[in-house]
């Protein structure tokens, strides 16, 4: 099955909903800081080792950037795998778990039925004990522990 954006949907492909702040760099970094996207090389290495994973940007950075701008944070060989960004929901009525609601809106709009995970630092943006959430320590971002969990989850869930 093809998604609306022409990405093939089958049991082999996985969507990773990706936050930026607290994931690809520690929270609290000023834009332009040397630490901006400092953890992205770890994620990119993992993506290269896992070619069935495509990325949808769930970060609030998508509010002020189009998809092409967001893709350019990534190395050229991975940009085609940054396939979309979550829709921006209206402020009213405010969902209880905002990030989760945005991801679910994307899934509904795309009629996506495949496997997916969310990589985020904002545990309060998801229902308690949410199965598809992989949590990053916002002071660190992606680390070996997170990479190992991603690998385990895509291969054994």
C-alpha atoms as a PDB file:
ATOM      1  CA  UNK A   1       0.000   0.000   0.000  1.00  0.00           C
ATOM      2  CA  UNK A   2       1.233   3.502  -0.834  1.00  0.00           C
ATOM      3  CA  UNK A   3       0.906   6.319   1.668  1.00  0.00           C
ATOM      4  CA  UNK A   4      -0.532   9.562   0.393  1.00  0.00           C
ATOM      5  CA  UNK A   5       3.049  10.846   0.025  1.00  0.00           C
ATOM      6  CA  UNK A   6       4.008   7.789  -2.107  1.00  0.00           C
ATOM      7  CA  UNK A   7       5.967   5.939   0.581  1.00  0.00           C
ATOM      8  CA  UNK A   8       5.263   2.256   0.382  1.00  0.00           C
ATOM      9  CA  UNK A   9       3.439   0.905   3.386  1.00  0.00           C
ATOM     10  CA  UNK A  10       4.080  -2.719   4.239  1.00  0.00           C
ATOM     11  CA  UNK A  11       5.165  -4.870   7.142  1.00  0.00           C
ATOM     12  CA  UNK A  12       8.842  -4.195   6.384  1.00  0.00           C
ATOM     13  CA  UNK A  13       8.789  -0.407   6.682  1.00  0.00           C
ATOM     14  CA  UNK A  14       8.705   1.447   9.991  1.00  0.00           C
ATOM     15  CA  UNK A  15       7.953   5.087  10.717  1.00  0.00           C
ATOM     16  CA  UNK A  16       9.995   6.879  13.370  1.00  0.00           C
ATOM     17  CA  UNK A  17       8.298  10.041  14.652  1.00  0.00           C
ATOM     18  CA  UNK A  18      11.196  12.273  15.604  1.00  0.00           C
ATOM     19  CA  UNK A  19      11.420  15.159  18.047  1.00  0.00           C
ATOM     20  CA  UNK A  20      14.495  17.433  17.901  1.00  0.00           C
ATOM     21  CA  UNK A  21      14.965  19.232  21.244  1.00  0.00           C
ATOM     22  CA  UNK A  22      16.122  16.757  23.866  1.00  0.00           C
ATOM     23  CA  UNK A  23      16.657  14.094  21.202  1.00  0.00           C
ATOM     24  CA  UNK A  24      19.084  15.231  18.476  1.00  0.00           C
ATOM     25  CA  UNK A  25      20.563  17.760  20.902  1.00  0.00           C
ATOM     26  CA  UNK A  26      20.177  18.532  24.610  1.00  0.00           C
ATOM     27  CA  UNK A  27      17.312  20.809  25.652  1.00  0.00           C
ATOM     28  CA  UNK A  28      18.230  24.404  26.332  1.00  0.00           C
ATOM     29  CA  UNK A  29      20.719  24.890  23.519  1.00  0.00           C
ATOM     30  CA  UNK A  30      20.429  28.238  21.807  1.00  0.00           C
ATOM     31  CA  UNK A  31      19.881  28.119  18.069  1.00  0.00           C
ATOM     32  CA  UNK A  32      23.246  28.218  16.385  1.00  0.00           C
ATOM     33  CA  UNK A  33      24.995  26.688  19.383  1.00  0.00           C
ATOM     34  CA  UNK A  34      27.758  24.168  18.735  1.00  0.00           C
ATOM     35  CA  UNK A  35      25.544  21.600  20.444  1.00  0.00           C
ATOM     36  CA  UNK A  36      22.633  22.078  18.009  1.00  0.00           C
ATOM     37  CA  UNK A  37      22.114  18.690  16.387  1.00  0.00           C
ATOM     38  CA  UNK A  38      25.173  17.340  18.204  1.00  0.00           C
ATOM     39  CA  UNK A  39      23.504  13.937  18.656  1.00  0.00           C
ATOM     40  CA  UNK A  40      22.290  13.701  15.053  1.00  0.00           C
ATOM     41  CA  UNK A  41      25.335  11.681  13.873  1.00  0.00           C
ATOM     42  CA  UNK A  42      24.309   8.843  16.219  1.00  0.00           C
ATOM     43  CA  UNK A  43      20.795   8.804  14.779  1.00  0.00           C
ATOM     44  CA  UNK A  44      22.064   9.014  11.212  1.00  0.00           C
ATOM     45  CA  UNK A  45      24.407   6.065  11.742  1.00  0.00           C
ATOM     46  CA  UNK A  46      21.489   4.068  13.137  1.00  0.00           C
ATOM     47  CA  UNK A  47      19.247   5.046  10.201  1.00  0.00           C
ATOM     48  CA  UNK A  48      21.911   3.930   7.727  1.00  0.00           C
ATOM     49  CA  UNK A  49      22.080   0.556   9.483  1.00  0.00           C
ATOM     50  CA  UNK A  50      18.264   0.284   9.401  1.00  0.00           C
ATOM     51  CA  UNK A  51      17.131   1.162   5.877  1.00  0.00           C
ATOM     52  CA  UNK A  52      13.529   0.121   6.438  1.00  0.00           C
ATOM     53  CA  UNK A  53      13.012   3.059   8.842  1.00  0.00           C
ATOM     54  CA  UNK A  54      11.600   6.327   7.491  1.00  0.00           C
ATOM     55  CA  UNK A  55      11.253   9.490   9.566  1.00  0.00           C
ATOM     56  CA  UNK A  56       8.316  11.815  10.143  1.00  0.00           C
ATOM     57  CA  UNK A  57       9.226  14.999  12.013  1.00  0.00           C
ATOM     58  CA  UNK A  58       7.074  15.484  15.110  1.00  0.00           C
ATOM     59  CA  UNK A  59       9.251  18.250  16.580  1.00  0.00           C
ATOM     60  CA  UNK A  60       7.795  21.713  17.113  1.00  0.00           C
ATOM     61  CA  UNK A  61      10.468  22.917  14.669  1.00  0.00           C
ATOM     62  CA  UNK A  62       8.013  21.849  11.969  1.00  0.00           C
ATOM     63  CA  UNK A  63       5.771  24.767  12.986  1.00  0.00           C
ATOM     64  CA  UNK A  64       8.094  27.255  11.311  1.00  0.00           C
ATOM     65  CA  UNK A  65       9.887  25.148   8.678  1.00  0.00           C
ATOM     66  CA  UNK A  66       8.709  23.299   5.627  1.00  0.00           C
ATOM     67  CA  UNK A  67       9.729  19.710   4.947  1.00  0.00           C
ATOM     68  CA  UNK A  68      12.624  20.655   2.639  1.00  0.00           C
ATOM     69  CA  UNK A  69      14.136  22.858   5.350  1.00  0.00           C
ATOM     70  CA  UNK A  70      13.802  20.087   7.924  1.00  0.00           C
ATOM     71  CA  UNK A  71      15.374  17.558   5.556  1.00  0.00           C
ATOM     72  CA  UNK A  72      18.460  19.744   5.192  1.00  0.00           C
ATOM     73  CA  UNK A  73      19.441  19.159   8.819  1.00  0.00           C
ATOM     74  CA  UNK A  74      20.197  15.585   7.743  1.00  0.00           C
ATOM     75  CA  UNK A  75      23.020  14.263   5.584  1.00  0.00           C
ATOM     76  CA  UNK A  76      22.249  14.208   1.860  1.00  0.00           C
ATOM     77  CA  UNK A  77      22.054  10.410   1.688  1.00  0.00           C
ATOM     78  CA  UNK A  78      19.252  10.331   4.286  1.00  0.00           C
ATOM     79  CA  UNK A  79      17.074  13.271   3.202  1.00  0.00           C
ATOM     80  CA  UNK A  80      14.763  11.128   1.075  1.00  0.00           C
ATOM     81  CA  UNK A  81      13.935   9.091   4.178  1.00  0.00           C
ATOM     82  CA  UNK A  82      12.679  12.188   6.022  1.00  0.00           C
ATOM     83  CA  UNK A  83       9.302  11.706   4.401  1.00  0.00           C
ATOM     84  CA  UNK A  84       6.920  14.097   6.122  1.00  0.00           C
ATOM     85  CA  UNK A  85       6.052  16.140   9.176  1.00  0.00           C
ATOM     86  CA  UNK A  86       3.111  15.855  11.531  1.00  0.00           C
ATOM     87  CA  UNK A  87       0.191  18.198  11.009  1.00  0.00           C
ATOM     88  CA  UNK A  88      -0.137  21.251  13.242  1.00  0.00           C
ATOM     89  CA  UNK A  89      -3.269  20.927  15.329  1.00  0.00           C
ATOM     90  CA  UNK A  90      -5.519  23.848  16.285  1.00  0.00           C
ATOM     91  CA  UNK A  91      -5.067  25.202  19.814  1.00  0.00           C
ATOM     92  CA  UNK A  92      -8.716  24.649  20.672  1.00  0.00           C
ATOM     93  CA  UNK A  93      -9.678  22.182  21.866  1.00  0.00           C
ATOM     94  CA  UNK A  94      -6.268  21.404  23.299  1.00  0.00           C
ATOM     95  CA  UNK A  95      -5.560  17.660  23.424  1.00  0.00           C
ATOM     96  CA  UNK A  96      -4.464  16.157  26.722  1.00  0.00           C
ATOM     97  CA  UNK A  97      -1.372  14.609  25.126  1.00  0.00           C
ATOM     98  CA  UNK A  98      -0.391  17.062  22.411  1.00  0.00           C
ATOM     99  CA  UNK A  99       2.476  15.222  20.663  1.00  0.00           C
ATOM    100  CA  UNK A 100       0.571  11.956  20.721  1.00  0.00           C
ATOM    101  CA  UNK A 101      -2.455  13.690  19.156  1.00  0.00           C
ATOM    102  CA  UNK A 102      -0.297  15.166  16.374  1.00  0.00           C
ATOM    103  CA  UNK A 103       1.200  11.773  15.586  1.00  0.00           C
ATOM    104  CA  UNK A 104      -2.221  10.134  15.583  1.00  0.00           C
ATOM    105  CA  UNK A 105      -3.512  12.873  13.262  1.00  0.00           C
ATOM    106  CA  UNK A 106      -0.712  12.054  10.799  1.00  0.00           C
ATOM    107  CA  UNK A 107      -1.481   8.330  11.053  1.00  0.00           C
ATOM    108  CA  UNK A 108      -5.174   9.007  10.408  1.00  0.00           C
ATOM    109  CA  UNK A 109      -4.509  11.382   7.493  1.00  0.00           C
ATOM    110  CA  UNK A 110      -2.115   8.918   5.845  1.00  0.00           C
ATOM    111  CA  UNK A 111      -4.267   5.899   6.720  1.00  0.00           C
ATOM    112  CA  UNK A 112      -1.065   4.342   7.994  1.00  0.00           C
ATOM    113  CA  UNK A 113      -1.432   0.864   9.467  1.00  0.00           C
ATOM    114  CA  UNK A 114       2.208  -0.190   9.740  1.00  0.00           C
ATOM    115  CA  UNK A 115       4.648  -0.300  12.604  1.00  0.00           C
ATOM    116  CA  UNK A 116       5.809   2.957  14.154  1.00  0.00           C
ATOM    117  CA  UNK A 117       7.743   4.367  17.098  1.00  0.00           C
ATOM    118  CA  UNK A 118       8.086   7.839  18.595  1.00  0.00           C
ATOM    119  CA  UNK A 119      11.468   9.129  19.773  1.00  0.00           C
ATOM    120  CA  UNK A 120      10.918  12.005  22.184  1.00  0.00           C
ATOM    121  CA  UNK A 121      11.997  13.487  25.508  1.00  0.00           C
ATOM    122  CA  UNK A 122       8.539  14.770  26.504  1.00  0.00           C
ATOM    123  CA  UNK A 123       6.997  11.824  28.301  1.00  0.00           C
ATOM    124  CA  UNK A 124       4.123  14.080  29.438  1.00  0.00           C
ATOM    125  CA  UNK A 125       3.087  14.574  25.792  1.00  0.00           C
ATOM    126  CA  UNK A 126       2.021  10.912  25.593  1.00  0.00           C
ATOM    127  CA  UNK A 127      -0.404   8.720  27.517  1.00  0.00           C
ATOM    128  CA  UNK A 128       1.158   6.944  30.516  1.00  0.00           C
ATOM    129  CA  UNK A 129       3.208   3.843  29.664  1.00  0.00           C
ATOM    130  CA  UNK A 130       2.740   4.492  25.955  1.00  0.00           C
ATOM    131  CA  UNK A 131       4.062   1.427  24.148  1.00  0.00           C
ATOM    132  CA  UNK A 132       5.445   3.103  20.999  1.00  0.00           C
ATOM    133  CA  UNK A 133       7.366   5.808  22.893  1.00  0.00           C
ATOM    134  CA  UNK A 134      11.131   5.638  23.291  1.00  0.00           C
ATOM    135  CA  UNK A 135      12.193   8.274  25.797  1.00  0.00           C
ATOM    136  CA  UNK A 136      15.413  10.282  25.601  1.00  0.00           C
ATOM    137  CA  UNK A 137      16.992  12.042  28.554  1.00  0.00           C
ATOM    138  CA  UNK A 138      16.466  15.679  27.563  1.00  0.00           C
ATOM    139  CA  UNK A 139      19.780  16.747  29.089  1.00  0.00           C
ATOM    140  CA  UNK A 140      21.648  14.297  26.838  1.00  0.00           C
ATOM    141  CA  UNK A 141      19.593  13.351  23.789  1.00  0.00           C
ATOM    142  CA  UNK A 142      20.227  10.167  21.837  1.00  0.00           C
ATOM    143  CA  UNK A 143      22.793   7.927  23.473  1.00  0.00           C
ATOM    144  CA  UNK A 144      23.848   4.274  23.305  1.00  0.00           C
ATOM    145  CA  UNK A 145      20.962   3.203  25.534  1.00  0.00           C
ATOM    146  CA  UNK A 146      18.413   4.828  23.198  1.00  0.00           C
ATOM    147  CA  UNK A 147      20.086   3.394  20.087  1.00  0.00           C
ATOM    148  CA  UNK A 148      19.990  -0.086  21.640  1.00  0.00           C
ATOM    149  CA  UNK A 149      16.319   0.301  22.524  1.00  0.00           C
ATOM    150  CA  UNK A 150      15.476   1.493  18.999  1.00  0.00           C
ATOM    151  CA  UNK A 151      17.265  -1.512  17.544  1.00  0.00           C
ATOM    152  CA  UNK A 152      15.537  -3.945  19.862  1.00  0.00           C
ATOM    153  CA  UNK A 153      12.126  -2.433  19.256  1.00  0.00           C
ATOM    154  CA  UNK A 154      12.271  -2.457  15.461  1.00  0.00           C
ATOM    155  CA  UNK A 155      13.508  -6.023  15.311  1.00  0.00           C
ATOM    156  CA  UNK A 156      11.483  -7.701  18.053  1.00  0.00           C
ATOM    157  CA  UNK A 157       8.231  -5.821  18.606  1.00  0.00           C
END
